[in-house]
Amino acid sequence: RLQQALAHWGVQAGDRVAAYMPNMPETVIAMLAATSLGA
């Protein structure tokens, strides 16, 4: 779901996704979704 959302917002390989976050599941999800796209 987050991968699709990131792509919808224009995230492509080489872009950066930043997390200002605690050590919680959503942070893991964000990392995996971003890197799945090559971000």
Full PDB file with SEQRES, HELIX, SHEET, SSBOND, CRYST1, ORIGX, SCALE, CONECT and MASTER records, all heavy atoms in Angstrom:
SEQRES   1 A   39  ARG LEU GLN GLN ALA LEU ALA HIS TRP GLY VAL GLN ALA          
SEQRES   2 A   39  GLY ASP ARG VAL ALA ALA TYR MET PRO ASN MET PRO GLU          
SEQRES   3 A   39  THR VAL ILE ALA MET LEU ALA ALA THR SER LEU GLY ALA          
HELIX    1 AA1 LEU A    2  HIS A    8  1                                   7    
HELIX    2 AA2 PRO A   25  SER A   36  1                                  12    
CRYST1    1.000    1.000    1.000  90.00  90.00  90.00 P 1           1          
ORIGX1      1.000000  0.000000  0.000000        0.00000                         
ORIGX2      0.000000  1.000000  0.000000        0.00000                         
ORIGX3      0.000000  0.000000  1.000000        0.00000                         
SCALE1      1.000000  0.000000  0.000000        0.00000                         
SCALE2      0.000000  1.000000  0.000000        0.00000                         
SCALE3      0.000000  0.000000  1.000000        0.00000                         
ATOM      1  N   ARG A   1       0.835  -1.215   0.000  1.00  0.00           N  
ATOM      2  CA  ARG A   1       0.000   0.000   0.000  1.00  0.00           C  
ATOM      3  C   ARG A   1       0.863   1.256   0.000  1.00  0.00           C  
ATOM      4  O   ARG A   1       0.600   2.199  -0.752  1.00  0.00           O  
ATOM      5  CB  ARG A   1      -0.932  -0.013   1.216  1.00  0.00           C  
ATOM      6  CG  ARG A   1      -1.950  -1.150   1.192  1.00  0.00           C  
ATOM      7  CD  ARG A   1      -2.727  -1.207   2.488  1.00  0.00           C  
ATOM      8  NE  ARG A   1      -3.641  -0.081   2.604  1.00  0.00           N  
ATOM      9  CZ  ARG A   1      -3.946   0.528   3.752  1.00  0.00           C  
ATOM     10  NH1 ARG A   1      -3.366   0.145   4.879  1.00  0.00           N  
ATOM     11  NH2 ARG A   1      -4.793   1.532   3.763  1.00  0.00           N  
ATOM     12  N   LEU A   2       1.902   1.280   0.841  1.00  0.00           N  
ATOM     13  CA  LEU A   2       2.749   2.466   0.882  1.00  0.00           C  
ATOM     14  C   LEU A   2       3.578   2.580  -0.393  1.00  0.00           C  
ATOM     15  O   LEU A   2       3.817   3.693  -0.883  1.00  0.00           O  
ATOM     16  CB  LEU A   2       3.663   2.440   2.110  1.00  0.00           C  
ATOM     17  CG  LEU A   2       4.561   3.679   2.280  1.00  0.00           C  
ATOM     18  CD1 LEU A   2       3.734   4.970   2.338  1.00  0.00           C  
ATOM     19  CD2 LEU A   2       5.435   3.562   3.513  1.00  0.00           C  
ATOM     20  N   GLN A   3       3.999   1.456  -0.950  1.00  0.00           N  
ATOM     21  CA  GLN A   3       4.735   1.508  -2.213  1.00  0.00           C  
ATOM     22  C   GLN A   3       3.899   2.203  -3.293  1.00  0.00           C  
ATOM     23  O   GLN A   3       4.395   3.069  -4.030  1.00  0.00           O  
ATOM     24  CB  GLN A   3       5.091   0.088  -2.669  1.00  0.00           C  
ATOM     25  CG  GLN A   3       5.856   0.039  -3.987  1.00  0.00           C  
ATOM     26  CD  GLN A   3       5.931  -1.359  -4.560  1.00  0.00           C  
ATOM     27  OE1 GLN A   3       4.903  -1.956  -4.910  1.00  0.00           O  
ATOM     28  NE2 GLN A   3       7.139  -1.898  -4.656  1.00  0.00           N  
ATOM     29  N   GLN A   4       2.643   1.821  -3.386  1.00  0.00           N  
ATOM     30  CA  GLN A   4       1.761   2.443  -4.381  1.00  0.00           C  
ATOM     31  C   GLN A   4       1.585   3.929  -4.107  1.00  0.00           C  
ATOM     32  O   GLN A   4       1.566   4.752  -5.035  1.00  0.00           O  
ATOM     33  CB  GLN A   4       0.407   1.743  -4.380  1.00  0.00           C  
ATOM     34  CG  GLN A   4       0.453   0.299  -4.828  1.00  0.00           C  
ATOM     35  CD  GLN A   4      -0.894  -0.377  -4.634  1.00  0.00           C  
ATOM     36  OE1 GLN A   4      -1.886   0.005  -5.257  1.00  0.00           O  
ATOM     37  NE2 GLN A   4      -0.939  -1.382  -3.754  1.00  0.00           N  
ATOM     38  N   ALA A   5       1.446   4.279  -2.826  1.00  0.00           N  
ATOM     39  CA  ALA A   5       1.278   5.687  -2.469  1.00  0.00           C  
ATOM     40  C   ALA A   5       2.528   6.489  -2.827  1.00  0.00           C  
ATOM     41  O   ALA A   5       2.437   7.592  -3.395  1.00  0.00           O  
ATOM     42  CB  ALA A   5       0.969   5.820  -0.985  1.00  0.00           C  
ATOM     43  N   LEU A   6       3.697   5.955  -2.528  1.00  0.00           N  
ATOM     44  CA  LEU A   6       4.941   6.656  -2.860  1.00  0.00           C  
ATOM     45  C   LEU A   6       5.056   6.877  -4.359  1.00  0.00           C  
ATOM     46  O   LEU A   6       5.436   7.969  -4.818  1.00  0.00           O  
ATOM     47  CB  LEU A   6       6.145   5.858  -2.348  1.00  0.00           C  
ATOM     48  CG  LEU A   6       6.332   5.776  -0.829  1.00  0.00           C  
ATOM     49  CD1 LEU A   6       7.480   4.828  -0.492  1.00  0.00           C  
ATOM     50  CD2 LEU A   6       6.577   7.148  -0.218  1.00  0.00           C  
ATOM     51  N   ALA A   7       4.719   5.840  -5.137  1.00  0.00           N  
ATOM     52  CA  ALA A   7       4.763   5.985  -6.589  1.00  0.00           C  
ATOM     53  C   ALA A   7       3.766   7.042  -7.051  1.00  0.00           C  
ATOM     54  O   ALA A   7       4.056   7.849  -7.955  1.00  0.00           O  
ATOM     55  CB  ALA A   7       4.475   4.638  -7.254  1.00  0.00           C  
ATOM     56  N   HIS A   8       2.597   7.074  -6.425  1.00  0.00           N  
ATOM     57  CA  HIS A   8       1.584   8.088  -6.758  1.00  0.00           C  
ATOM     58  C   HIS A   8       2.100   9.497  -6.472  1.00  0.00           C  
ATOM     59  O   HIS A   8       1.774  10.440  -7.204  1.00  0.00           O  
ATOM     60  CB  HIS A   8       0.315   7.805  -5.949  1.00  0.00           C  
ATOM     61  CG  HIS A   8      -0.759   8.828  -6.120  1.00  0.00           C  
ATOM     62  ND1 HIS A   8      -1.511   8.946  -7.275  1.00  0.00           N  
ATOM     63  CD2 HIS A   8      -1.208   9.802  -5.276  1.00  0.00           C  
ATOM     64  CE1 HIS A   8      -2.378   9.935  -7.143  1.00  0.00           C  
ATOM     65  NE2 HIS A   8      -2.217  10.476  -5.937  1.00  0.00           N  
ATOM     66  N   TRP A   9       2.910   9.635  -5.444  1.00  0.00           N  
ATOM     67  CA  TRP A   9       3.463  10.950  -5.104  1.00  0.00           C  
ATOM     68  C   TRP A   9       4.717  11.282  -5.908  1.00  0.00           C  
ATOM     69  O   TRP A   9       5.374  12.285  -5.654  1.00  0.00           O  
ATOM     70  CB  TRP A   9       3.783  11.001  -3.607  1.00  0.00           C  
ATOM     71  CG  TRP A   9       2.556  10.836  -2.742  1.00  0.00           C  
ATOM     72  CD1 TRP A   9       1.301  11.285  -2.994  1.00  0.00           C  
ATOM     73  CD2 TRP A   9       2.482  10.142  -1.493  1.00  0.00           C  
ATOM     74  NE1 TRP A   9       0.439  10.919  -1.990  1.00  0.00           N  
ATOM     75  CE2 TRP A   9       1.138  10.220  -1.048  1.00  0.00           C  
ATOM     76  CE3 TRP A   9       3.412   9.450  -0.704  1.00  0.00           C  
ATOM     77  CZ2 TRP A   9       0.702   9.643   0.143  1.00  0.00           C  
ATOM     78  CZ3 TRP A   9       2.981   8.883   0.486  1.00  0.00           C  
ATOM     79  CH2 TRP A   9       1.646   8.975   0.903  1.00  0.00           C  
ATOM     80  N   GLY A  10       5.063  10.417  -6.830  1.00  0.00           N  
ATOM     81  CA  GLY A  10       6.164  10.719  -7.743  1.00  0.00           C  
ATOM     82  C   GLY A  10       7.516  10.186  -7.328  1.00  0.00           C  
ATOM     83  O   GLY A  10       8.530  10.547  -7.929  1.00  0.00           O  
ATOM     84  N   VAL A  11       7.555   9.324  -6.317  1.00  0.00           N  
ATOM     85  CA  VAL A  11       8.841   8.791  -5.877  1.00  0.00           C  
ATOM     86  C   VAL A  11       9.353   7.781  -6.895  1.00  0.00           C  
ATOM     87  O   VAL A  11       8.643   6.843  -7.275  1.00  0.00           O  
ATOM     88  CB  VAL A  11       8.722   8.130  -4.484  1.00  0.00           C  
ATOM     89  CG1 VAL A  11      10.028   7.438  -4.099  1.00  0.00           C  
ATOM     90  CG2 VAL A  11       8.359   9.179  -3.440  1.00  0.00           C  
ATOM     91  N   GLN A  12      10.583   7.972  -7.322  1.00  0.00           N  
ATOM     92  CA  GLN A  12      11.226   7.093  -8.291  1.00  0.00           C  
ATOM     93  C   GLN A  12      12.580   6.651  -7.758  1.00  0.00           C  
ATOM     94  O   GLN A  12      13.052   7.146  -6.733  1.00  0.00           O  
ATOM     95  CB  GLN A  12      11.411   7.836  -9.626  1.00  0.00           C  
ATOM     96  CG  GLN A  12      10.135   8.343 -10.250  1.00  0.00           C  
ATOM     97  CD  GLN A  12      10.394   9.153 -11.498  1.00  0.00           C  
ATOM     98  OE1 GLN A  12      11.540   9.325 -11.914  1.00  0.00           O  
ATOM     99  NE2 GLN A  12       9.336   9.670 -12.107  1.00  0.00           N  
ATOM    100  N   ALA A  13      13.194   5.716  -8.477  1.00  0.00           N  
ATOM    101  CA  ALA A  13      14.532   5.278  -8.110  1.00  0.00           C  
ATOM    102  C   ALA A  13      15.467   6.478  -8.030  1.00  0.00           C  
ATOM    103  O   ALA A  13      15.486   7.322  -8.926  1.00  0.00           O  
ATOM    104  CB  ALA A  13      15.058   4.269  -9.131  1.00  0.00           C  
ATOM    105  N   GLY A  14      16.216   6.553  -6.934  1.00  0.00           N  
ATOM    106  CA  GLY A  14      17.152   7.659  -6.741  1.00  0.00           C  
ATOM    107  C   GLY A  14      16.608   8.793  -5.900  1.00  0.00           C  
ATOM    108  O   GLY A  14      17.383   9.602  -5.379  1.00  0.00           O  
ATOM    109  N   ASP A  15      15.261   8.880  -5.760  1.00  0.00           N  
ATOM    110  CA  ASP A  15      14.688   9.880  -4.855  1.00  0.00           C  
ATOM    111  C   ASP A  15      14.943   9.468  -3.412  1.00  0.00           C  
ATOM    112  O   ASP A  15      15.284   8.313  -3.120  1.00  0.00           O  
ATOM    113  CB  ASP A  15      13.182  10.012  -5.090  1.00  0.00           C  
ATOM    114  CG  ASP A  15      12.848  10.733  -6.382  1.00  0.00           C  
ATOM    115  OD1 ASP A  15      13.692  11.524  -6.848  1.00  0.00           O  
ATOM    116  OD2 ASP A  15      11.753  10.493  -6.925  1.00  0.00           O  
ATOM    117  N   ARG A  16      14.765  10.424  -2.502  1.00  0.00           N  
ATOM    118  CA  ARG A  16      14.945  10.131  -1.083  1.00  0.00           C  
ATOM    119  C   ARG A  16      13.604  10.146  -0.350  1.00  0.00           C  
ATOM    120  O   ARG A  16      12.751  11.003  -0.600  1.00  0.00           O  
ATOM    121  CB  ARG A  16      15.875  11.166  -0.421  1.00  0.00           C  
ATOM    122  CG  ARG A  16      17.332  10.779  -0.428  1.00  0.00           C  
ATOM    123  CD  ARG A  16      18.018  11.032  -1.735  1.00  0.00           C  
ATOM    124  NE  ARG A  16      18.135  12.442  -2.030  1.00  0.00           N  
ATOM    125  CZ  ARG A  16      18.536  12.918  -3.208  1.00  0.00           C  
ATOM    126  NH1 ARG A  16      18.851  12.094  -4.193  1.00  0.00           N  
ATOM    127  NH2 ARG A  16      18.624  14.210  -3.423  1.00  0.00           N  
ATOM    128  N   VAL A  17      13.447   9.196   0.559  1.00  0.00           N  
ATOM    129  CA  VAL A  17      12.310   9.144   1.478  1.00  0.00           C  
ATOM    130  C   VAL A  17      12.889   9.213   2.887  1.00  0.00           C  
ATOM    131  O   VAL A  17      13.780   8.432   3.234  1.00  0.00           O  
ATOM    132  CB  VAL A  17      11.486   7.858   1.296  1.00  0.00           C  
ATOM    133  CG1 VAL A  17      10.413   7.748   2.376  1.00  0.00           C  
ATOM    134  CG2 VAL A  17      10.853   7.822  -0.094  1.00  0.00           C  
ATOM    135  N   ALA A  18      12.399  10.153   3.685  1.00  0.00           N  
ATOM    136  CA  ALA A  18      12.950  10.368   5.026  1.00  0.00           C  
ATOM    137  C   ALA A  18      11.923  10.020   6.089  1.00  0.00           C  
ATOM    138  O   ALA A  18      10.723  10.264   5.924  1.00  0.00           O  
ATOM    139  CB  ALA A  18      13.386  11.827   5.189  1.00  0.00           C  
ATOM    140  N   ALA A  19      12.405   9.463   7.190  1.00  0.00           N  
ATOM    141  CA  ALA A  19      11.553   9.133   8.328  1.00  0.00           C  
ATOM    142  C   ALA A  19      12.079   9.846   9.569  1.00  0.00           C  
ATOM    143  O   ALA A  19      13.248   9.682   9.922  1.00  0.00           O  
ATOM    144  CB  ALA A  19      11.519   7.631   8.552  1.00  0.00           C  
ATOM    145  N   TYR A  20      11.215  10.616  10.194  1.00  0.00           N  
ATOM    146  CA  TYR A  20      11.507  11.293  11.460  1.00  0.00           C  
ATOM    147  C   TYR A  20      10.656  10.562  12.487  1.00  0.00           C  
ATOM    148  O   TYR A  20       9.604  11.028  12.880  1.00  0.00           O  
ATOM    149  CB  TYR A  20      11.129  12.764  11.309  1.00  0.00           C  
ATOM    150  CG  TYR A  20      11.399  13.693  12.471  1.00  0.00           C  
ATOM    151  CD1 TYR A  20      12.395  13.459  13.397  1.00  0.00           C  
ATOM    152  CD2 TYR A  20      10.635  14.857  12.606  1.00  0.00           C  
ATOM    153  CE1 TYR A  20      12.627  14.338  14.444  1.00  0.00           C  
ATOM    154  CE2 TYR A  20      10.863  15.757  13.639  1.00  0.00           C  
ATOM    155  CZ  TYR A  20      11.849  15.491  14.556  1.00  0.00           C  
ATOM    156  OH  TYR A  20      12.069  16.377  15.594  1.00  0.00           O  
ATOM    157  N   MET A  21      11.131   9.381  12.880  1.00  0.00           N  
ATOM    158  CA  MET A  21      10.236   8.389  13.461  1.00  0.00           C  
ATOM    159  C   MET A  21      10.842   7.632  14.630  1.00  0.00           C  
ATOM    160  O   MET A  21      12.055   7.456  14.721  1.00  0.00           O  
ATOM    161  CB  MET A  21       9.869   7.366  12.378  1.00  0.00           C  
ATOM    162  CG  MET A  21       8.900   7.875  11.318  1.00  0.00           C  
ATOM    163  SD  MET A  21       7.198   7.937  11.931  1.00  0.00           S  
ATOM    164  CE  MET A  21       6.795   6.197  12.018  1.00  0.00           C  
ATOM    165  N   PRO A  22       9.955   7.083  15.495  1.00  0.00           N  
ATOM    166  CA  PRO A  22      10.400   6.098  16.483  1.00  0.00           C  
ATOM    167  C   PRO A  22      10.731   4.777  15.795  1.00  0.00           C  
ATOM    168  O   PRO A  22      10.449   4.580  14.604  1.00  0.00           O  
ATOM    169  CB  PRO A  22       9.175   5.940  17.401  1.00  0.00           C  
ATOM    170  CG  PRO A  22       8.253   7.066  17.057  1.00  0.00           C  
ATOM    171  CD  PRO A  22       8.533   7.413  15.634  1.00  0.00           C  
ATOM    172  N   ASN A  23      11.282   3.860  16.563  1.00  0.00           N  
ATOM    173  CA  ASN A  23      11.584   2.511  16.075  1.00  0.00           C  
ATOM    174  C   ASN A  23      10.316   1.673  16.171  1.00  0.00           C  
ATOM    175  O   ASN A  23      10.116   0.919  17.114  1.00  0.00           O  
ATOM    176  CB  ASN A  23      12.716   1.913  16.917  1.00  0.00           C  
ATOM    177  CG  ASN A  23      13.055   0.501  16.510  1.00  0.00           C  
ATOM    178  OD1 ASN A  23      12.781   0.081  15.392  1.00  0.00           O  
ATOM    179  ND2 ASN A  23      13.653  -0.249  17.424  1.00  0.00           N  
ATOM    180  N   MET A  24       9.455   1.781  15.152  1.00  0.00           N  
ATOM    181  CA  MET A  24       8.140   1.143  15.181  1.00  0.00           C  
ATOM    182  C   MET A  24       7.830   0.541  13.809  1.00  0.00           C  
ATOM    183  O   MET A  24       8.543   0.811  12.828  1.00  0.00           O  
ATOM    184  CB  MET A  24       7.075   2.149  15.607  1.00  0.00           C  
ATOM    185  CG  MET A  24       6.899   3.331  14.682  1.00  0.00           C  
ATOM    186  SD  MET A  24       5.745   4.583  15.338  1.00  0.00           S  
ATOM    187  CE  MET A  24       4.210   3.634  15.478  1.00  0.00           C  
ATOM    188  N   PRO A  25       6.784  -0.263  13.675  1.00  0.00           N  
ATOM    189  CA  PRO A  25       6.528  -0.955  12.412  1.00  0.00           C  
ATOM    190  C   PRO A  25       6.385  -0.038  11.207  1.00  0.00           C  
ATOM    191  O   PRO A  25       6.840  -0.387  10.110  1.00  0.00           O  
ATOM    192  CB  PRO A  25       5.224  -1.707  12.701  1.00  0.00           C  
ATOM    193  CG  PRO A  25       5.281  -1.995  14.161  1.00  0.00           C  
ATOM    194  CD  PRO A  25       5.910  -0.773  14.765  1.00  0.00           C  
ATOM    195  N   GLU A  26       5.753   1.117  11.371  1.00  0.00           N  
ATOM    196  CA  GLU A  26       5.581   2.002  10.226  1.00  0.00           C  
ATOM    197  C   GLU A  26       6.915   2.472   9.656  1.00  0.00           C  
ATOM    198  O   GLU A  26       7.025   2.732   8.453  1.00  0.00           O  
ATOM    199  CB  GLU A  26       4.715   3.204  10.616  1.00  0.00           C  
ATOM    200  CG  GLU A  26       3.229   2.909  10.715  1.00  0.00           C  
ATOM    201  CD  GLU A  26       2.829   2.167  11.982  1.00  0.00           C  
ATOM    202  OE1 GLU A  26       3.702   1.955  12.866  1.00  0.00           O  
ATOM    203  OE2 GLU A  26       1.652   1.784  12.099  1.00  0.00           O  
ATOM    204  N   THR A  27       7.931   2.580  10.486  1.00  0.00           N  
ATOM    205  CA  THR A  27       9.256   2.961  10.004  1.00  0.00           C  
ATOM    206  C   THR A  27       9.845   1.843   9.154  1.00  0.00           C  
ATOM    207  O   THR A  27      10.466   2.089   8.111  1.00  0.00           O  
ATOM    208  CB  THR A  27      10.190   3.279  11.182  1.00  0.00           C  
ATOM    209  OG1 THR A  27       9.482   4.034  12.161  1.00  0.00           O  
ATOM    210  CG2 THR A  27      11.404   4.065  10.711  1.00  0.00           C  
ATOM    211  N   VAL A  28       9.669   0.615   9.583  1.00  0.00           N  
ATOM    212  CA  VAL A  28      10.130  -0.536   8.802  1.00  0.00           C  
ATOM    213  C   VAL A  28       9.396  -0.587   7.469  1.00  0.00           C  
ATOM    214  O   VAL A  28      10.002  -0.794   6.405  1.00  0.00           O  
ATOM    215  CB  VAL A  28       9.900  -1.844   9.589  1.00  0.00           C  
ATOM    216  CG1 VAL A  28      10.441  -3.034   8.805  1.00  0.00           C  
ATOM    217  CG2 VAL A  28      10.539  -1.771  10.966  1.00  0.00           C  
ATOM    218  N   ILE A  29       8.091  -0.392   7.509  1.00  0.00           N  
ATOM    219  CA  ILE A  29       7.282  -0.398   6.289  1.00  0.00           C  
ATOM    220  C   ILE A  29       7.756   0.693   5.332  1.00  0.00           C  
ATOM    221  O   ILE A  29       7.880   0.469   4.118  1.00  0.00           O  
ATOM    222  CB  ILE A  29       5.791  -0.207   6.649  1.00  0.00           C  
ATOM    223  CG1 ILE A  29       5.278  -1.432   7.409  1.00  0.00           C  
ATOM    224  CG2 ILE A  29       4.949   0.069   5.407  1.00  0.00           C  
ATOM    225  CD1 ILE A  29       3.971  -1.187   8.157  1.00  0.00           C  
ATOM    226  N   ALA A  30       8.052   1.868   5.867  1.00  0.00           N  
ATOM    227  CA  ALA A  30       8.520   2.979   5.028  1.00  0.00           C  
ATOM    228  C   ALA A  30       9.842   2.642   4.362  1.00  0.00           C  
ATOM    229  O   ALA A  30      10.047   2.911   3.161  1.00  0.00           O  
ATOM    230  CB  ALA A  30       8.662   4.244   5.868  1.00  0.00           C  
ATOM    231  N   MET A  31      10.761   2.041   5.119  1.00  0.00           N  
ATOM    232  CA  MET A  31      12.050   1.680   4.536  1.00  0.00           C  
ATOM    233  C   MET A  31      11.885   0.657   3.424  1.00  0.00           C  
ATOM    234  O   MET A  31      12.465   0.774   2.333  1.00  0.00           O  
ATOM    235  CB  MET A  31      12.976   1.140   5.628  1.00  0.00           C  
ATOM    236  CG  MET A  31      14.373   0.739   5.151  1.00  0.00           C  
ATOM    237  SD  MET A  31      14.467  -0.939   4.464  1.00  0.00           S  
ATOM    238  CE  MET A  31      14.299  -1.901   5.965  1.00  0.00           C  
ATOM    239  N   LEU A  32      11.071  -0.362   3.666  1.00  0.00           N  
ATOM    240  CA  LEU A  32      10.893  -1.421   2.674  1.00  0.00           C  
ATOM    241  C   LEU A  32      10.166  -0.907   1.437  1.00  0.00           C  
ATOM    242  O   LEU A  32      10.527  -1.260   0.300  1.00  0.00           O  
ATOM    243  CB  LEU A  32      10.124  -2.588   3.297  1.00  0.00           C  
ATOM    244  CG  LEU A  32      10.881  -3.369   4.381  1.00  0.00           C  
ATOM    245  CD1 LEU A  32       9.937  -4.302   5.129  1.00  0.00           C  
ATOM    246  CD2 LEU A  32      12.035  -4.159   3.784  1.00  0.00           C  
ATOM    247  N   ALA A  33       9.157  -0.077   1.627  1.00  0.00           N  
ATOM    248  CA  ALA A  33       8.427   0.467   0.478  1.00  0.00           C  
ATOM    249  C   ALA A  33       9.323   1.364  -0.359  1.00  0.00           C  
ATOM    250  O   ALA A  33       9.314   1.308  -1.596  1.00  0.00           O  
ATOM    251  CB  ALA A  33       7.197   1.232   0.958  1.00  0.00           C  
ATOM    252  N   ALA A  34      10.108   2.203   0.301  1.00  0.00           N  
ATOM    253  CA  ALA A  34      10.995   3.113  -0.432  1.00  0.00           C  
ATOM    254  C   ALA A  34      12.043   2.335  -1.210  1.00  0.00           C  
ATOM    255  O   ALA A  34      12.250   2.565  -2.415  1.00  0.00           O  
ATOM    256  CB  ALA A  34      11.664   4.083   0.542  1.00  0.00           C  
ATOM    257  N   THR A  35      12.697   1.394  -0.557  1.00  0.00           N  
ATOM    258  CA  THR A  35      13.790   0.674  -1.227  1.00  0.00           C  
ATOM    259  C   THR A  35      13.266  -0.318  -2.265  1.00  0.00           C  
ATOM    260  O   THR A  35      13.984  -0.675  -3.197  1.00  0.00           O  
ATOM    261  CB  THR A  35      14.694  -0.031  -0.204  1.00  0.00           C  
ATOM    262  OG1 THR A  35      13.915  -0.916   0.608  1.00  0.00           O  
ATOM    263  CG2 THR A  35      15.381   0.984   0.697  1.00  0.00           C  
ATOM    264  N   SER A  36      12.011  -0.755  -2.129  1.00  0.00           N  
ATOM    265  CA  SER A  36      11.442  -1.623  -3.165  1.00  0.00           C  
ATOM    266  C   SER A  36      11.349  -0.889  -4.502  1.00  0.00           C  
ATOM    267  O   SER A  36      11.444  -1.504  -5.567  1.00  0.00           O  
ATOM    268  CB  SER A  36      10.055  -2.128  -2.744  1.00  0.00           C  
ATOM    269  OG  SER A  36       9.090  -1.082  -2.771  1.00  0.00           O  
ATOM    270  N   LEU A  37      11.182   0.428  -4.448  1.00  0.00           N  
ATOM    271  CA  LEU A  37      11.115   1.260  -5.651  1.00  0.00           C  
ATOM    272  C   LEU A  37      12.489   1.697  -6.142  1.00  0.00           C  
ATOM    273  O   LEU A  37      12.601   2.318  -7.195  1.00  0.00           O  
ATOM    274  CB  LEU A  37      10.274   2.514  -5.371  1.00  0.00           C  
ATOM    275  CG  LEU A  37       8.789   2.309  -5.108  1.00  0.00           C  
ATOM    276  CD1 LEU A  37       8.168   3.592  -4.568  1.00  0.00           C  
ATOM    277  CD2 LEU A  37       8.074   1.851  -6.376  1.00  0.00           C  
ATOM    278  N   GLY A  38      13.520   1.407  -5.358  1.00  0.00           N  
ATOM    279  CA  GLY A  38      14.848   1.908  -5.692  1.00  0.00           C  
ATOM    280  C   GLY A  38      15.115   3.287  -5.130  1.00  0.00           C  
ATOM    281  O   GLY A  38      16.123   3.920  -5.471  1.00  0.00           O  
ATOM    282  N   ALA A  39      14.204   3.789  -4.263  1.00  0.00           N  
ATOM    283  CA  ALA A  39      14.449   5.063  -3.590  1.00  0.00           C  
ATOM    284  C   ALA A  39      15.451   4.845  -2.456  1.00  0.00           C  
ATOM    285  O   ALA A  39      15.687   3.716  -2.007  1.00  0.00           O  
ATOM    286  CB  ALA A  39      13.157   5.653  -3.050  1.00  0.00           C  
TER     287      ALA A  39                                                      
MASTER        0    0    0    2    0    0    0    6  286    1    0    3          
END                                                                             
